[in-house]
C-alpha atoms as a PDB file:
ATOM      1  CA  MET A   1      83.320 110.201 126.567  1.00  0.00           C
ATOM      2  CA  PRO A   2      79.823 108.549 125.881  1.00  0.00           C
ATOM      3  CA  GLN A   3      79.946 105.993 123.806  1.00  0.00           C
ATOM      4  CA  VAL A   4      80.255 106.695 119.814  1.00  0.00           C
ATOM      5  CA  LYS A   5      76.522 105.428 117.866  1.00  0.00           C
ATOM      6  CA  GLU A   6      77.321 103.774 114.459  1.00  0.00           C
ATOM      7  CA  ILE A   7      75.462 104.434 111.690  1.00  0.00           C
ATOM      8  CA  THR A   8      75.784 101.632 109.160  1.00  0.00           C
ATOM      9  CA  ALA A   9      75.926 101.983 105.635  1.00  0.00           C
ATOM     10  CA  GLY A  10      72.654 100.524 104.960  1.00  0.00           C
ATOM     11  CA  SER A  11      71.084 102.446 107.363  1.00  0.00           C
ATOM     12  CA  LEU A  12      72.811 105.394 106.191  1.00  0.00           C
ATOM     13  CA  ASP A  13      71.458 108.245 104.953  1.00  0.00           C
ATOM     14  CA  THR A  14      73.506 110.166 102.954  1.00  0.00           C
ATOM     15  CA  LYS A  15      72.071 113.853 102.309  1.00  0.00           C
ATOM     16  CA  GLU A  16      70.493 113.699 105.353  1.00  0.00           C
ATOM     17  CA  PHE A  17      74.169 113.013 106.931  1.00  0.00           C
ATOM     18  CA  ILE A  18      76.305 116.200 104.260  1.00  0.00           C
ATOM     19  CA  ARG A  19      73.208 118.095 105.596  1.00  0.00           C
ATOM     20  CA  GLU A  20      74.157 117.671 109.323  1.00  0.00           C
ATOM     21  CA  LYS A  21      77.403 117.563 109.407  1.00  0.00           C
ATOM     22  CA  THR A  22      77.966 120.679 107.186  1.00  0.00           C
ATOM     23  CA  SER A  23      75.600 122.354 109.812  1.00  0.00           C
ATOM     24  CA  GLU A  24      78.008 121.205 112.594  1.00  0.00           C
ATOM     25  CA  ILE A  25      81.115 122.470 111.259  1.00  0.00           C
ATOM     26  CA  SER A  26      79.554 125.807 110.411  1.00  0.00           C
ATOM     27  CA  ALA A  27      78.316 126.108 113.926  1.00  0.00           C
ATOM     28  CA  MET A  28      81.371 124.822 115.592  1.00  0.00           C
ATOM     29  CA  VAL A  29      83.608 127.293 113.477  1.00  0.00           C
ATOM     30  CA  GLY A  30      81.350 129.846 113.049  1.00  0.00           C
ATOM     31  CA  GLN A  31      83.228 133.329 111.702  1.00  0.00           C
ATOM     32  CA  GLY A  32      86.501 131.724 112.322  1.00  0.00           C
ATOM     33  CA  VAL A  33      89.400 129.077 109.885  1.00  0.00           C
ATOM     34  CA  ALA A  34      89.314 125.694 110.116  1.00  0.00           C
ATOM     35  CA  ILE A  35      92.421 124.095 108.824  1.00  0.00           C
ATOM     36  CA  ASN A  36      93.005 120.069 107.873  1.00  0.00           C
ATOM     37  CA  ALA A  37      95.587 117.721 106.071  1.00  0.00           C
ATOM     38  CA  LEU A  38      94.575 115.959 103.100  1.00  0.00           C
ATOM     39  CA  SER A  39      96.231 112.648 103.031  1.00  0.00           C
ATOM     40  CA  GLY A  40      94.815 111.653  99.368  1.00  0.00           C
ATOM     41  CA  GLY A  41      92.760 108.711 101.015  1.00  0.00           C
ATOM     42  CA  VAL A  42      88.987 108.787 101.112  1.00  0.00           C
ATOM     43  CA  ASP A  43      88.294 109.714 104.889  1.00  0.00           C
ATOM     44  CA  SER A  44      90.727 112.637 104.521  1.00  0.00           C
ATOM     45  CA  ALA A  45      89.239 113.754 101.518  1.00  0.00           C
ATOM     46  CA  LEU A  46      85.681 113.505 102.343  1.00  0.00           C
ATOM     47  CA  VAL A  47      86.145 115.412 105.353  1.00  0.00           C
ATOM     48  CA  THR A  48      87.717 118.011 102.782  1.00  0.00           C
ATOM     49  CA  MET A  49      85.118 118.211 100.938  1.00  0.00           C
ATOM     50  CA  LEU A  50      82.308 118.285 104.095  1.00  0.00           C
ATOM     51  CA  GLY A  51      84.839 120.867 105.740  1.00  0.00           C
ATOM     52  CA  TYR A  52      84.650 123.083 101.938  1.00  0.00           C
ATOM     53  CA  LYS A  53      81.304 122.950 101.595  1.00  0.00           C
ATOM     54  CA  ALA A  54      80.725 124.249 105.188  1.00  0.00           C
ATOM     55  CA  LEU A  55      83.356 126.587 105.190  1.00  0.00           C
ATOM     56  CA  GLY A  56      84.499 127.954 101.784  1.00  0.00           C
ATOM     57  CA  GLU A  57      87.787 129.229 101.653  1.00  0.00           C
ATOM     58  CA  ARG A  58      87.829 129.808 105.485  1.00  0.00           C
ATOM     59  CA  LEU A  59      88.928 125.687 105.524  1.00  0.00           C
ATOM     60  CA  LYS A  60      92.711 125.784 104.910  1.00  0.00           C
ATOM     61  CA  THR A  61      93.767 122.179 103.507  1.00  0.00           C
ATOM     62  CA  TYR A  62      97.313 121.488 103.266  1.00  0.00           C
ATOM     63  CA  PHE A  63      99.249 118.268 102.330  1.00  0.00           C
ATOM     64  CA  VAL A  64     101.769 117.037 104.596  1.00  0.00           C
ATOM     65  CA  ASP A  65     104.668 116.140 102.627  1.00  0.00           C
ATOM     66  CA  ASN A  66     106.595 113.455 105.535  1.00  0.00           C
ATOM     67  CA  GLY A  67     108.519 111.784 103.338  1.00  0.00           C
ATOM     68  CA  ILE A  68     106.987 108.610 103.685  1.00  0.00           C
ATOM     69  CA  MET A  69     103.608 108.199 101.332  1.00  0.00           C
ATOM     70  CA  ARG A  70     103.576 106.901  97.834  1.00  0.00           C
ATOM     71  CA  GLU A  71     104.991 107.915  94.768  1.00  0.00           C
ATOM     72  CA  GLY A  72     103.781 110.635  93.285  1.00  0.00           C
ATOM     73  CA  GLU A  73     101.079 111.219  96.051  1.00  0.00           C
ATOM     74  CA  ALA A  74     101.513 114.512  96.749  1.00  0.00           C
ATOM     75  CA  GLN A  75     100.842 116.158  92.969  1.00  0.00           C
ATOM     76  CA  GLN A  76      98.500 113.770  92.183  1.00  0.00           C
ATOM     77  CA  ILE A  77      96.399 114.518  95.133  1.00  0.00           C
ATOM     78  CA  VAL A  78      96.492 118.157  94.809  1.00  0.00           C
ATOM     79  CA  SER A  79      95.899 118.153  91.224  1.00  0.00           C
ATOM     80  CA  VAL A  80      92.413 115.993  91.810  1.00  0.00           C
ATOM     81  CA  PHE A  81      91.067 118.718  94.303  1.00  0.00           C
ATOM     82  CA  LYS A  82      92.285 121.793  91.996  1.00  0.00           C
ATOM     83  CA  LYS A  83      89.674 120.737  89.682  1.00  0.00           C
ATOM     84  CA  LEU A  84      87.029 120.435  92.742  1.00  0.00           C
ATOM     85  CA  GLY A  85      87.559 123.866  93.452  1.00  0.00           C
ATOM     86  CA  VAL A  86      89.752 123.613  96.538  1.00  0.00           C
ATOM     87  CA  ASN A  87      93.332 125.134  96.916  1.00  0.00           C
ATOM     88  CA  VAL A  88      95.891 122.211  98.594  1.00  0.00           C
ATOM     89  CA  GLU A  89      99.233 123.808 100.076  1.00  0.00           C
ATOM     90  CA  ILE A  90     102.116 121.118 100.110  1.00  0.00           C
ATOM     91  CA  ILE A  91     104.215 121.447 103.176  1.00  0.00           C
ATOM     92  CA  ASP A  92     107.403 119.991 103.287  1.00  0.00           C
ATOM     93  CA  ALA A  93     107.876 118.301 106.259  1.00  0.00           C
ATOM     94  CA  GLN A  94     110.204 115.582 105.439  1.00  0.00           C
ATOM     95  CA  ASP A  95     113.402 116.594 107.711  1.00  0.00           C
ATOM     96  CA  GLU A  96     110.620 116.663 110.128  1.00  0.00           C
ATOM     97  CA  PHE A  97     109.336 113.281 110.350  1.00  0.00           C
ATOM     98  CA  PHE A  98     112.820 111.123 109.479  1.00  0.00           C
ATOM     99  CA  ASN A  99     114.450 113.249 112.317  1.00  0.00           C
ATOM    100  CA  ALA A 100     111.518 111.708 115.010  1.00  0.00           C
ATOM    101  CA  LEU A 101     111.440 108.175 113.337  1.00  0.00           C
ATOM    102  CA  LYS A 102     115.278 108.039 113.804  1.00  0.00           C
ATOM    103  CA  GLY A 103     116.749 104.999 115.911  1.00  0.00           C
ATOM    104  CA  ILE A 104     113.054 103.697 116.648  1.00  0.00           C
ATOM    105  CA  GLU A 105     111.950 100.279 115.589  1.00  0.00           C
ATOM    106  CA  GLU A 106     109.462  99.698 118.237  1.00  0.00           C
ATOM    107  CA  PRO A 107     106.069  99.778 116.369  1.00  0.00           C
ATOM    108  CA  GLU A 108     103.841 101.822 119.260  1.00  0.00           C
ATOM    109  CA  ALA A 109     107.020 104.033 119.433  1.00  0.00           C
ATOM    110  CA  LYS A 110     107.268 105.043 115.730  1.00  0.00           C
ATOM    111  CA  ARG A 111     103.234 105.786 115.723  1.00  0.00           C
ATOM    112  CA  GLU A 112     103.872 108.024 118.715  1.00  0.00           C
ATOM    113  CA  ALA A 113     106.900 109.713 116.955  1.00  0.00           C
ATOM    114  CA  ILE A 114     104.908 110.298 113.801  1.00  0.00           C
ATOM    115  CA  THR A 115     101.343 111.681 115.878  1.00  0.00           C
ATOM    116  CA  GLN A 116     103.895 114.120 117.972  1.00  0.00           C
ATOM    117  CA  THR A 117     105.773 115.166 114.951  1.00  0.00           C
ATOM    118  CA  PHE A 118     102.298 116.013 112.820  1.00  0.00           C
ATOM    119  CA  TYR A 119      99.852 117.140 115.521  1.00  0.00           C
ATOM    120  CA  LYS A 120     102.316 119.075 117.899  1.00  0.00           C
ATOM    121  CA  LYS A 121     105.005 120.082 115.935  1.00  0.00           C
ATOM    122  CA  VAL A 122     103.970 120.450 112.126  1.00  0.00           C
ATOM    123  CA  PHE A 123     100.600 121.174 112.321  1.00  0.00           C
ATOM    124  CA  GLY A 124     101.328 123.250 115.999  1.00  0.00           C
ATOM    125  CA  ASN A 125     103.226 125.547 113.200  1.00  0.00           C
ATOM    126  CA  LEU A 126     100.207 125.870 110.727  1.00  0.00           C
ATOM    127  CA  VAL A 127      97.666 125.985 113.387  1.00  0.00           C
ATOM    128  CA  LYS A 128      99.786 129.169 114.248  1.00  0.00           C
ATOM    129  CA  LYS A 129     100.356 130.596 110.933  1.00  0.00           C
ATOM    130  CA  SER A 130      96.616 130.469 109.854  1.00  0.00           C
ATOM    131  CA  GLY A 131      94.638 131.617 113.264  1.00  0.00           C
ATOM    132  CA  ALA A 132      92.754 128.588 113.013  1.00  0.00           C
ATOM    133  CA  LYS A 133      91.073 126.962 116.270  1.00  0.00           C
ATOM    134  CA  TYR A 134      89.549 123.918 114.860  1.00  0.00           C
ATOM    135  CA  LEU A 135      91.638 120.927 112.803  1.00  0.00           C
ATOM    136  CA  LEU A 136      89.180 118.744 110.740  1.00  0.00           C
ATOM    137  CA  GLN A 137      89.921 115.173 110.773  1.00  0.00           C
ATOM    138  CA  GLY A 138      88.645 112.100 109.412  1.00  0.00           C
ATOM    139  CA  THR A 139      88.697 109.438 112.193  1.00  0.00           C
ATOM    140  CA  ILE A 140      86.399 107.088 111.835  1.00  0.00           C
ATOM    141  CA  LEU A 141      84.499 104.391 114.005  1.00  0.00           C
ATOM    142  CA  THR A 142      87.182 101.010 112.963  1.00  0.00           C
ATOM    143  CA  ASP A 143      89.902 103.818 114.254  1.00  0.00           C
ATOM    144  CA  ILE A 144      88.587 104.411 117.455  1.00  0.00           C
ATOM    145  CA  ASP A 145      87.475 100.633 117.604  1.00  0.00           C
ATOM    146  CA  GLU A 146      91.245  99.140 117.500  1.00  0.00           C
ATOM    147  CA  THR A 147      92.947 102.070 119.167  1.00  0.00           C
ATOM    148  CA  VAL A 148      90.629 101.604 122.472  1.00  0.00           C
ATOM    149  CA  ALA A 149      90.906  97.884 122.097  1.00  0.00           C
ATOM    150  CA  GLY A 150      94.408  97.813 122.515  1.00  0.00           C
ATOM    151  CA  ILE A 151      94.933  96.480 119.092  1.00  0.00           C
ATOM    152  CA  LYS A 152      97.308  99.421 117.421  1.00  0.00           C
ATOM    153  CA  ARG A 153      96.951 102.999 118.281  1.00  0.00           C
ATOM    154  CA  GLN A 154      95.520 104.861 115.505  1.00  0.00           C
ATOM    155  CA  HIS A 155      97.589 108.117 115.002  1.00  0.00           C
ATOM    156  CA  ASN A 156      94.311 110.093 114.679  1.00  0.00           C
ATOM    157  CA  VAL A 157      92.613 108.909 118.054  1.00  0.00           C
ATOM    158  CA  PHE A 158      93.200 111.258 121.109  1.00  0.00           C
ATOM    159  CA  GLU A 159      89.369 111.869 123.362  1.00  0.00           C
ATOM    160  CA  GLN A 160      89.065 107.827 123.465  1.00  0.00           C
ATOM    161  CA  LEU A 161      92.283 107.482 125.098  1.00  0.00           C
ATOM    162  CA  GLY A 162      91.799 110.581 127.818  1.00  0.00           C
ATOM    163  CA  ILE A 163      93.715 112.877 125.244  1.00  0.00           C
ATOM    164  CA  ASP A 164      92.420 116.423 125.533  1.00  0.00           C
ATOM    165  CA  PRO A 165      93.917 117.561 122.253  1.00  0.00           C
ATOM    166  CA  GLN A 166      93.147 121.106 122.951  1.00  0.00           C
ATOM    167  CA  GLU A 167      95.335 121.160 126.334  1.00  0.00           C
ATOM    168  CA  ALA A 168      98.066 119.005 124.437  1.00  0.00           C
ATOM    169  CA  PHE A 169      98.252 120.801 120.843  1.00  0.00           C
ATOM    170  CA  GLY A 170      96.515 123.853 121.568  1.00  0.00           C
ATOM    171  CA  TYR A 171      93.379 123.556 119.282  1.00  0.00           C
ATOM    172  CA  LYS A 172      89.946 121.513 118.966  1.00  0.00           C
ATOM    173  CA  ILE A 173      89.889 118.794 116.347  1.00  0.00           C
ATOM    174  CA  LEU A 174      86.238 118.147 114.688  1.00  0.00           C
ATOM    175  CA  GLU A 175      85.696 114.459 113.527  1.00  0.00           C
ATOM    176  CA  PRO A 176      82.656 114.395 111.419  1.00  0.00           C
ATOM    177  CA  LEU A 177      83.117 110.883 110.455  1.00  0.00           C
ATOM    178  CA  VAL A 178      83.706 108.793 113.684  1.00  0.00           C
ATOM    179  CA  GLN A 179      79.946 107.526 113.488  1.00  0.00           C
ATOM    180  CA  LEU A 180      80.877 105.847 110.150  1.00  0.00           C
ATOM    181  CA  ARG A 181      83.115 102.790 109.034  1.00  0.00           C
ATOM    182  CA  LYS A 182      84.949 102.768 105.789  1.00  0.00           C
ATOM    183  CA  ASP A 183      81.734 101.691 103.603  1.00  0.00           C
ATOM    184  CA  GLY A 184      79.812 104.131 104.841  1.00  0.00           C
ATOM    185  CA  VAL A 185      81.993 106.632 104.028  1.00  0.00           C
ATOM    186  CA  ARG A 186      82.625 105.701 100.368  1.00  0.00           C
ATOM    187  CA  LYS A 187      78.838 105.771  99.985  1.00  0.00           C
ATOM    188  CA  VAL A 188      78.590 109.323 101.711  1.00  0.00           C
ATOM    189  CA  ALA A 189      81.595 110.668  99.406  1.00  0.00           C
ATOM    190  CA  GLU A 190      79.992 109.479  96.292  1.00  0.00           C
ATOM    191  CA  ASP A 191      77.607 111.131  97.005  1.00  0.00           C
ATOM    192  CA  LEU A 192      79.329 114.816  97.888  1.00  0.00           C
ATOM    193  CA  GLY A 193      80.708 114.440  94.376  1.00  0.00           C
ATOM    194  CA  LEU A 194      84.038 113.018  95.011  1.00  0.00           C
ATOM    195  CA  PRO A 195      85.316 111.049  91.979  1.00  0.00           C
ATOM    196  CA  ALA A 196      85.658 107.433  91.604  1.00  0.00           C
ATOM    197  CA  LEU A 197      89.528 107.146  92.009  1.00  0.00           C
ATOM    198  CA  ILE A 198      89.107 108.777  95.675  1.00  0.00           C
ATOM    199  CA  PHE A 199      85.885 107.198  96.894  1.00  0.00           C
ATOM    200  CA  LYS A 200      86.622 103.419  95.528  1.00  0.00           C
ATOM    201  CA  ARG A 201      90.629 103.992  96.989  1.00  0.00           C
ATOM    202  CA  MET A 202      91.538 101.097  98.838  1.00  0.00           C
ATOM    203  CA  PRO A 203      92.578 102.491 102.651  1.00  0.00           C
ATOM    204  CA  PHE A 204      95.712 104.088 103.153  1.00  0.00           C
ATOM    205  CA  PRO A 205      97.710 103.929 107.020  1.00  0.00           C
ATOM    206  CA  GLY A 206      97.660 107.130 108.856  1.00  0.00           C
ATOM    207  CA  PRO A 207     101.951 106.356 109.685  1.00  0.00           C
ATOM    208  CA  ALA A 208     101.359 105.928 105.751  1.00  0.00           C
ATOM    209  CA  LEU A 209     104.561 103.700 104.638  1.00  0.00           C
ATOM    210  CA  ALA A 210     106.197 104.224 108.325  1.00  0.00           C
ATOM    211  CA  ALA A 211     103.682 101.151 109.182  1.00  0.00           C
ATOM    212  CA  ARG A 212     104.912  99.086 106.453  1.00  0.00           C
ATOM    213  CA  VAL A 213     108.239  98.745 107.352  1.00  0.00           C
ATOM    214  CA  ILE A 214     109.004  97.028 110.413  1.00  0.00           C
ATOM    215  CA  GLY A 215     112.222  98.321 112.299  1.00  0.00           C
ATOM    216  CA  GLU A 216     113.317 101.151 111.657  1.00  0.00           C
ATOM    217  CA  ALA A 217     111.970 103.420 109.081  1.00  0.00           C
ATOM    218  CA  THR A 218     115.293 105.112 107.298  1.00  0.00           C
ATOM    219  CA  ARG A 219     115.093 107.282 104.217  1.00  0.00           C
ATOM    220  CA  GLU A 220     116.518 104.298 102.574  1.00  0.00           C
ATOM    221  CA  ARG A 221     113.705 101.266 103.979  1.00  0.00           C
ATOM    222  CA  ILE A 222     111.171 103.784 102.988  1.00  0.00           C
ATOM    223  CA  CYS A 223     112.477 104.128  99.522  1.00  0.00           C
ATOM    224  CA  LEU A 224     112.663 100.693  98.567  1.00  0.00           C
ATOM    225  CA  VAL A 225     109.382  99.602 100.151  1.00  0.00           C
ATOM    226  CA  ARG A 226     107.567 102.245  98.050  1.00  0.00           C
ATOM    227  CA  LYS A 227     109.013 100.950  94.706  1.00  0.00           C
ATOM    228  CA  ALA A 228     107.031  97.590  96.088  1.00  0.00           C
ATOM    229  CA  THR A 229     104.182  98.823  96.397  1.00  0.00           C
ATOM    230  CA  ALA A 230     104.527 101.018  93.170  1.00  0.00           C
ATOM    231  CA  ILE A 231     104.385  97.687  91.288  1.00  0.00           C
ATOM    232  CA  LEU A 232     101.848  96.379  93.913  1.00  0.00           C
ATOM    233  CA  GLU A 233      99.555  99.343  92.301  1.00  0.00           C
ATOM    234  CA  GLN A 234     100.324  98.564  88.681  1.00  0.00           C
ATOM    235  CA  GLU A 235     100.043  94.886  88.861  1.00  0.00           C
ATOM    236  CA  LEU A 236      97.088  94.389  91.129  1.00  0.00           C
ATOM    237  CA  THR A 237      95.084  97.547  89.814  1.00  0.00           C
ATOM    238  CA  ALA A 238      92.686  94.650  87.850  1.00  0.00           C
ATOM    239  CA  VAL A 239      91.798  93.118  91.108  1.00  0.00           C
ATOM    240  CA  LYS A 240      88.976  93.746  92.923  1.00  0.00           C
ATOM    241  CA  ALA A 241      90.597  93.305  96.797  1.00  0.00           C
ATOM    242  CA  PHE A 242      89.418  95.592  99.472  1.00  0.00           C
ATOM    243  CA  GLN A 243      93.225  96.494  99.901  1.00  0.00           C
ATOM    244  CA  TYR A 244      97.099  95.723  99.594  1.00  0.00           C
ATOM    245  CA  MET A 245     100.252  96.142 100.200  1.00  0.00           C
ATOM    246  CA  ALA A 246     103.754  95.558 100.406  1.00  0.00           C
ATOM    247  CA  ILE A 247     105.436  94.984 103.983  1.00  0.00           C
ATOM    248  CA  LEU A 248     108.934  95.240 104.248  1.00  0.00           C
ATOM    249  CA  HIS A 249     110.855  93.108 107.187  1.00  0.00           C
ATOM    250  CA  ASN A 250     113.354  93.419 109.432  1.00  0.00           C
ATOM    251  CA  ASP A 251     115.570  90.179 109.200  1.00  0.00           C
ATOM    252  CA  ARG A 252     117.528  89.724 106.472  1.00  0.00           C
ATOM    253  CA  VAL A 253     117.811  86.048 104.742  1.00  0.00           C
ATOM    254  CA  THR A 254     120.043  84.436 103.008  1.00  0.00           C
ATOM    255  CA  GLY A 255     119.502  84.650  98.534  1.00  0.00           C
ATOM    256  CA  MET A 256     121.939  84.147  95.473  1.00  0.00           C
ATOM    257  CA  ARG A 257     122.128  86.577  92.586  1.00  0.00           C
ATOM    258  CA  ASP A 258     125.010  85.907  89.566  1.00  0.00           C
ATOM    259  CA  ASN A 259     125.939  82.619  91.562  1.00  0.00           C
ATOM    260  CA  LYS A 260     126.718  84.304  94.753  1.00  0.00           C
ATOM    261  CA  ARG A 261     125.569  84.329  98.204  1.00  0.00           C
ATOM    262  CA  GLU A 262     123.795  87.460  98.917  1.00  0.00           C
ATOM    263  CA  PHE A 263     122.105  88.227 102.178  1.00  0.00           C
ATOM    264  CA  GLY A 264     119.027  90.686 100.965  1.00  0.00           C
ATOM    265  CA  GLN A 265     116.054  92.346 102.391  1.00  0.00           C
ATOM    266  CA  GLN A 266     112.470  90.339 102.287  1.00  0.00           C
ATOM    267  CA  ILE A 267     108.942  91.818 101.127  1.00  0.00           C
ATOM    268  CA  GLU A 268     105.835  90.412 102.068  1.00  0.00           C
ATOM    269  CA  VAL A 269     103.014  91.314 100.107  1.00  0.00           C
ATOM    270  CA  ARG A 270      99.176  91.193 101.375  1.00  0.00           C
ATOM    271  CA  CYS A 271      95.727  91.190  99.287  1.00  0.00           C
ATOM    272  CA  TRP A 272      92.910  91.188 101.685  1.00  0.00           C
ATOM    273  CA  ASP A 273      89.206  91.065 101.026  1.00  0.00           C
ATOM    274  CA  SER A 274      86.905  92.763 103.300  1.00  0.00           C
ATOM    275  CA  VAL A 275      83.467  94.967 103.670  1.00  0.00           C
ATOM    276  CA  ASP A 276      84.639  97.477 106.828  1.00  0.00           C
ATOM    277  CA  ALA A 277      88.015  96.181 107.548  1.00  0.00           C
ATOM    278  CA  ARG A 278      86.893  94.807 110.627  1.00  0.00           C
ATOM    279  CA  ARG A 279      86.719  91.291 109.573  1.00  0.00           C
ATOM    280  CA  ALA A 280      88.943  90.021 106.386  1.00  0.00           C
ATOM    281  CA  SER A 281      90.321  87.305 104.410  1.00  0.00           C
ATOM    282  CA  PRO A 282      93.707  87.561 102.044  1.00  0.00           C
ATOM    283  CA  THR A 283      92.457  87.107  98.545  1.00  0.00           C
ATOM    284  CA  ARG A 284      92.755  84.365  96.718  1.00  0.00           C
ATOM    285  CA  LEU A 285      95.157  86.182  93.679  1.00  0.00           C
ATOM    286  CA  ASP A 286      95.809  84.191  90.827  1.00  0.00           C
ATOM    287  CA  PHE A 287      99.495  81.884  91.188  1.00  0.00           C
ATOM    288  CA  ALA A 288     100.850  83.286  87.527  1.00  0.00           C
ATOM    289  CA  ILE A 289      99.878  87.015  89.380  1.00  0.00           C
ATOM    290  CA  LEU A 290     101.790  86.161  92.404  1.00  0.00           C
ATOM    291  CA  GLU A 291     104.901  85.208  90.321  1.00  0.00           C
ATOM    292  CA  LYS A 292     105.009  87.761  88.203  1.00  0.00           C
ATOM    293  CA  LEU A 293     105.082  90.165  91.695  1.00  0.00           C
ATOM    294  CA  ALA A 294     107.601  88.523  92.912  1.00  0.00           C
ATOM    295  CA  ASP A 295     109.786  88.808  89.479  1.00  0.00           C
ATOM    296  CA  ARG A 296     109.275  91.923  89.311  1.00  0.00           C
ATOM    297  CA  ILE A 297     110.061  92.855  92.756  1.00  0.00           C
ATOM    298  CA  LEU A 298     113.131  90.372  92.880  1.00  0.00           C
ATOM    299  CA  ALA A 299     114.304  92.176  89.948  1.00  0.00           C
ATOM    300  CA  GLU A 300     113.287  96.327  90.319  1.00  0.00           C
ATOM    301  CA  VAL A 301     113.933  96.706  94.339  1.00  0.00           C
ATOM    302  CA  ASP A 302     117.483  96.573  94.981  1.00  0.00           C
ATOM    303  CA  GLY A 303     118.390  94.268  97.836  1.00  0.00           C
ATOM    304  CA  VAL A 304     115.052  91.997  97.802  1.00  0.00           C
ATOM    305  CA  VAL A 305     116.179  88.178  97.273  1.00  0.00           C
ATOM    306  CA  SER A 306     112.403  86.852  99.113  1.00  0.00           C
ATOM    307  CA  VAL A 307     109.020  87.602  98.392  1.00  0.00           C
ATOM    308  CA  THR A 308     106.566  86.183 100.546  1.00  0.00           C
ATOM    309  CA  TYR A 309     102.363  86.101 100.302  1.00  0.00           C
ATOM    310  CA  ASN A 310     100.357  86.380 103.364  1.00  0.00           C
ATOM    311  CA  ILE A 311      97.577  84.145 103.840  1.00  0.00           C
ATOM    312  CA  ALA A 312      96.258  84.609 107.197  1.00  0.00           C
ATOM    313  CA  SER A 313      92.931  85.821 107.890  1.00  0.00           C
ATOM    314  CA  LYS A 314      91.920  89.228 110.000  1.00  0.00           C
ATOM    315  CA  PRO A 315      91.426  88.380 113.326  1.00  0.00           C
ATOM    316  CA  PRO A 316      93.853  87.154 114.463  1.00  0.00           C
ATOM    317  CA  SER A 317      96.384  88.815 111.999  1.00  0.00           C
ATOM    318  CA  THR A 318      95.379  92.792 111.297  1.00  0.00           C
ATOM    319  CA  MET A 319      95.297  94.220 107.401  1.00  0.00           C
ATOM    320  CA  GLU A 320      98.517  96.068 108.347  1.00  0.00           C
ATOM    321  CA  ALA A 321     101.884  94.033 109.991  1.00  0.00           C
ATOM    322  CA  ILE A 322     102.465  96.810 112.523  1.00  0.00           C
END
């Protein structure tokens, strides 16, 4: 496959980009039907609006409730897009995803389990139900770079790995954002009329909270990291960071509670300053903020006895833990 030609945020003509991509989508799909999955992140949100602008009601948009999203995610995102005129159907697929993740600890194996469940099983059924021949998705250039370089397999990258989605899953995948990085995506999203709570939203991984659980992603462990994530999002709202996250480690550590030994869980907090996710440095959070985060996580998330803060830059670190 030819190398993707990058459009930098500085050289991006957003209005021309919107015209070009909506025309491409319309020409590819013709009078047919396309589907897409809306996760709530800026990439999937922009693809949804480009697809809706090009196809109107012939774009079927779904929010797949995989059980590994943040607190209240589905209802919040569906409400936002309803105001924009886009109907989003919620698909309950929690059992399918947790069954697929059962017993898996290795990071790439988890990503592959999520990929196969999403594209082949859940979306395969939706394709048959809708009669769609095309899936619109928000792959960006950084996803491709990290996958091709072997840093981590992004769940939405196929052709660059020699995988034909038509052959593997039974439908074609359209990727209108592959020339952009995150800063470019935000510019286009703002110009297309998406609200600030969407186009300024921090990145969230395709494998969702499963990417923030080191080891097996069970319902219980996802619930634990979901609670820690909610605390971060409440306490760090005013912090001007590119991204922040809570990570649940697999190793347990010794702590004490009520004057008794407790062999408990540990949460790692990461907070990043970056422009396009290629390079990042840890945000220099005030120590009082870190103390409040630790106090709340230790008090409100059952079984956690240790809270740490990551101070390694990317590279050699990556922004997500796995």
